[in-house]
Protein backbone atom coordinates (compact mmCIF):
# COMPACT_ATOMS: atom_id res chain seq x y z
CA MET A 1 0.02 0.09 0.06
CA LYS A 2 3.01 2.38 0.78
CA TYR A 3 4.23 1.67 -2.64
CA PHE A 4 0.96 2.31 -4.21
CA THR A 5 0.58 5.72 -2.75
CA ILE A 6 4.17 6.54 -3.85
CA ILE A 7 3.62 5.60 -7.30
CA LEU A 8 0.25 7.76 -7.43
CA THR A 9 1.98 10.66 -6.09
CA LEU A 10 4.52 10.32 -8.93
CA PHE A 11 2.02 10.32 -11.43
CA ALA A 12 -0.49 13.03 -10.20
CA LEU A 13 -0.69 15.86 -12.58
CA PRO A 14 -1.64 19.61 -11.12
CA VAL A 15 -4.83 20.70 -12.04
CA SER A 16 -5.17 24.48 -13.12
CA ALA A 17 -8.11 26.61 -14.31
CA ASN A 18 -8.27 30.15 -16.18
CA VAL A 19 -10.96 32.40 -14.95
CA GLU A 20 -11.81 35.25 -17.22
CA ILE A 21 -12.82 38.65 -15.83
CA THR A 22 -14.58 41.30 -18.14
CA GLY A 23 -15.75 44.65 -17.83
CA ASN A 24 -17.13 47.46 -19.84
CA VAL A 25 -16.07 51.02 -20.06
CA ALA A 26 -18.78 53.70 -21.15
CA ALA A 27 -17.20 56.45 -23.41
CA LYS A 28 -16.81 59.64 -21.31
CA CYS A 29 -16.00 61.71 -24.44
CA ILE A 30 -18.19 61.51 -27.29
CA ILE A 31 -17.69 63.18 -30.77
CA GLN A 32 -20.65 63.92 -33.18
CA THR A 33 -20.97 65.61 -36.48
CA THR A 34 -23.39 68.40 -36.14
CA LYS A 35 -22.95 69.86 -39.68
CA SER A 36 -20.97 68.48 -42.54
CA GLY A 37 -19.02 70.98 -44.45
CA ALA A 38 -18.93 72.07 -48.11
CA TYR A 39 -16.58 73.65 -50.30
CA GLY A 40 -17.49 76.91 -52.32
CA ASN A 41 -15.33 77.78 -55.14
CA PRO A 42 -14.78 81.55 -55.13
CA ILE A 43 -12.25 81.72 -57.79
CA ALA A 44 -11.26 78.92 -60.46
CA SER A 45 -8.31 77.83 -58.44
CA LYS A 46 -9.61 77.62 -54.76
CA LEU A 47 -12.05 75.57 -52.78
CA SER A 48 -12.96 76.90 -49.35
CA THR A 49 -15.42 76.14 -46.62
CA THR A 50 -15.65 79.77 -45.47
CA PRO A 51 -19.19 81.14 -45.74
CA ALA A 52 -17.68 84.36 -47.37
CA ASP A 53 -16.29 82.05 -50.09
CA GLY A 54 -19.58 80.22 -50.66
CA GLY A 55 -18.54 77.18 -48.44
CA VAL A 56 -20.19 75.73 -45.37
CA LEU A 57 -17.97 75.23 -42.07
CA PRO A 58 -18.19 71.50 -40.70
CA ILE A 59 -19.11 71.74 -37.01
CA ILE A 60 -18.19 69.00 -34.45
CA ARG A 61 -19.40 68.50 -30.99
CA TYR A 62 -17.50 67.13 -28.27
CA ASP A 63 -19.51 65.97 -25.26
CA VAL A 64 -17.44 65.16 -22.31
CA SER A 65 -18.60 63.79 -18.87
CA ILE A 66 -15.27 63.93 -17.04
CA ALA A 67 -13.73 67.21 -16.46
CA ASP A 68 -10.04 67.54 -17.29
CA SER A 69 -9.60 64.05 -18.56
CA TYR A 70 -9.45 64.75 -22.43
CA THR A 71 -7.90 67.00 -25.16
CA ALA A 72 -9.84 67.32 -28.40
CA ASN A 73 -7.38 66.79 -31.38
CA ILE A 74 -8.86 68.19 -34.45
CA THR A 75 -6.97 68.06 -37.78
CA HIS A 76 -7.87 70.01 -40.79
CA PRO A 77 -7.54 68.35 -44.32
CA THR A 78 -4.00 68.25 -46.07
CA ALA A 79 -5.23 66.28 -49.00
CA PHE A 80 -8.32 65.30 -50.86
CA SER A 81 -9.72 61.89 -50.08
CA SER A 82 -11.04 61.85 -53.53
CA SER A 83 -11.12 64.16 -56.48
CA PRO A 84 -10.45 64.36 -60.20
CA SER A 85 -6.86 63.68 -61.32
CA LEU A 86 -4.61 66.72 -60.46
CA SER A 87 -1.32 67.28 -62.23
CA ASP A 88 -0.12 70.09 -60.01
CA THR A 89 0.29 70.69 -56.40
CA VAL A 90 -2.39 71.90 -53.86
CA ALA A 91 -1.52 74.39 -51.22
CA TRP A 92 -3.80 73.62 -48.06
CA THR A 93 -4.50 76.24 -45.17
CA GLY A 94 -6.91 75.43 -42.31
CA SER A 95 -7.98 76.28 -38.82
CA THR A 96 -10.44 75.13 -35.97
CA SER A 97 -12.27 77.29 -33.55
CA VAL A 98 -14.76 77.08 -30.67
CA THR A 99 -18.04 78.18 -32.02
CA GLN A 100 -20.43 77.41 -29.10
CA THR A 101 -20.22 76.04 -25.69
CA SER A 102 -22.53 74.60 -22.85
CA VAL A 103 -20.71 76.05 -19.97
CA SER A 104 -19.57 79.67 -20.05
CA GLY A 105 -15.95 78.78 -18.79
CA MET A 106 -15.36 76.74 -22.07
CA SER A 107 -15.17 79.98 -24.11
CA ALA A 108 -11.44 80.11 -22.72
CA TYR A 109 -10.60 77.03 -24.66
CA GLU A 110 -10.08 79.26 -27.87
CA ALA A 111 -7.49 81.28 -26.43
CA ALA A 112 -5.63 78.26 -24.84
CA LYS A 113 -5.60 76.14 -27.91
CA THR A 114 -2.32 75.02 -29.55
CA VAL A 115 -1.55 74.20 -33.02
CA VAL A 116 0.79 71.67 -34.19
CA GLY A 117 1.07 71.54 -37.99
CA SER A 118 -2.55 71.06 -39.31
CA THR A 119 -3.63 69.72 -35.80
CA THR A 120 -5.47 72.08 -33.23
CA ILE A 121 -5.43 70.86 -29.67
CA PHE A 122 -7.90 71.81 -27.24
CA ASP A 123 -7.48 70.80 -23.41
CA LEU A 124 -11.10 70.04 -22.25
CA THR A 125 -11.05 71.06 -18.77
CA LEU A 126 -14.77 71.16 -18.14
CA ALA A 127 -17.58 68.72 -18.38
CA GLY A 128 -20.28 69.61 -21.00
CA SER A 129 -20.59 70.11 -24.68
CA THR A 130 -18.27 72.22 -26.95
CA TRP A 131 -18.83 72.59 -30.71
CA PHE A 132 -15.83 73.35 -33.14
CA SER A 133 -15.85 74.64 -36.66
CA THR A 134 -13.11 73.75 -39.05
CA ALA A 135 -11.99 76.20 -42.07
CA SER A 136 -10.36 74.37 -45.06
CA SER A 137 -8.85 76.12 -48.17
CA ALA A 138 -7.37 74.29 -50.99
CA THR A 139 -5.47 76.25 -53.92
CA TYR A 140 -4.46 74.60 -57.06
CA GLY A 141 -0.97 75.14 -58.62
CA SER A 142 -0.06 78.67 -59.63
CA ALA A 143 -3.68 79.88 -59.91
CA LYS A 144 -4.50 77.28 -62.18
CA PRO A 145 -8.30 76.37 -62.69
CA LEU A 146 -9.27 73.24 -60.83
CA PRO A 147 -10.52 70.41 -62.99
CA GLY A 148 -14.19 69.80 -62.93
CA GLY A 149 -15.48 67.22 -60.70
CA THR A 150 -16.29 66.47 -57.09
CA TYR A 151 -13.70 66.97 -54.44
CA THR A 152 -13.97 65.56 -50.96
CA SER A 153 -11.48 65.90 -47.83
CA VAL A 154 -11.81 64.80 -44.19
CA VAL A 155 -11.54 66.65 -40.83
CA GLN A 156 -10.05 64.01 -38.34
CA ALA A 157 -11.31 64.48 -34.92
CA SER A 158 -10.25 62.62 -31.88
CA CYS A 159 -10.46 62.68 -27.97
CA ILE A 160 -7.45 61.62 -26.27
CA ALA A 161 -7.27 60.70 -22.58
CA LYS A 162 -4.72 62.66 -20.81
């Protein structure tokens, strides 16, 4: 019997189990398109979202439920996502601004924004909603007329956790 117990001990295999743990995190920063933009064509070589040029500024709304936890990073276009074939260069300009807020203190976001290349960064220090508009302008070649067709570009909006 003593030898039988020793033999069983030698052949005993350890038993293990993996227990899964899951969790859901609800978004605390939500980005929504309030208004899609449109290019106006004020002169033959230029497309612009500026209303004075016949364009429509795109409006993006950020809803933040936790103060001082996120930055809004909004990048104006630097290329067309679709367009007719272009044989010359396109010069891009753009800017993003605060257009409306749900809390009066959010108006300070405009003065405190930073711009890195084509990206404007806003520190979202208060909970609530903020609306941003992005101006975009594309000038073709050396004042060459743009070829006829449909031009599309994209404003990239992201909410980055601090």
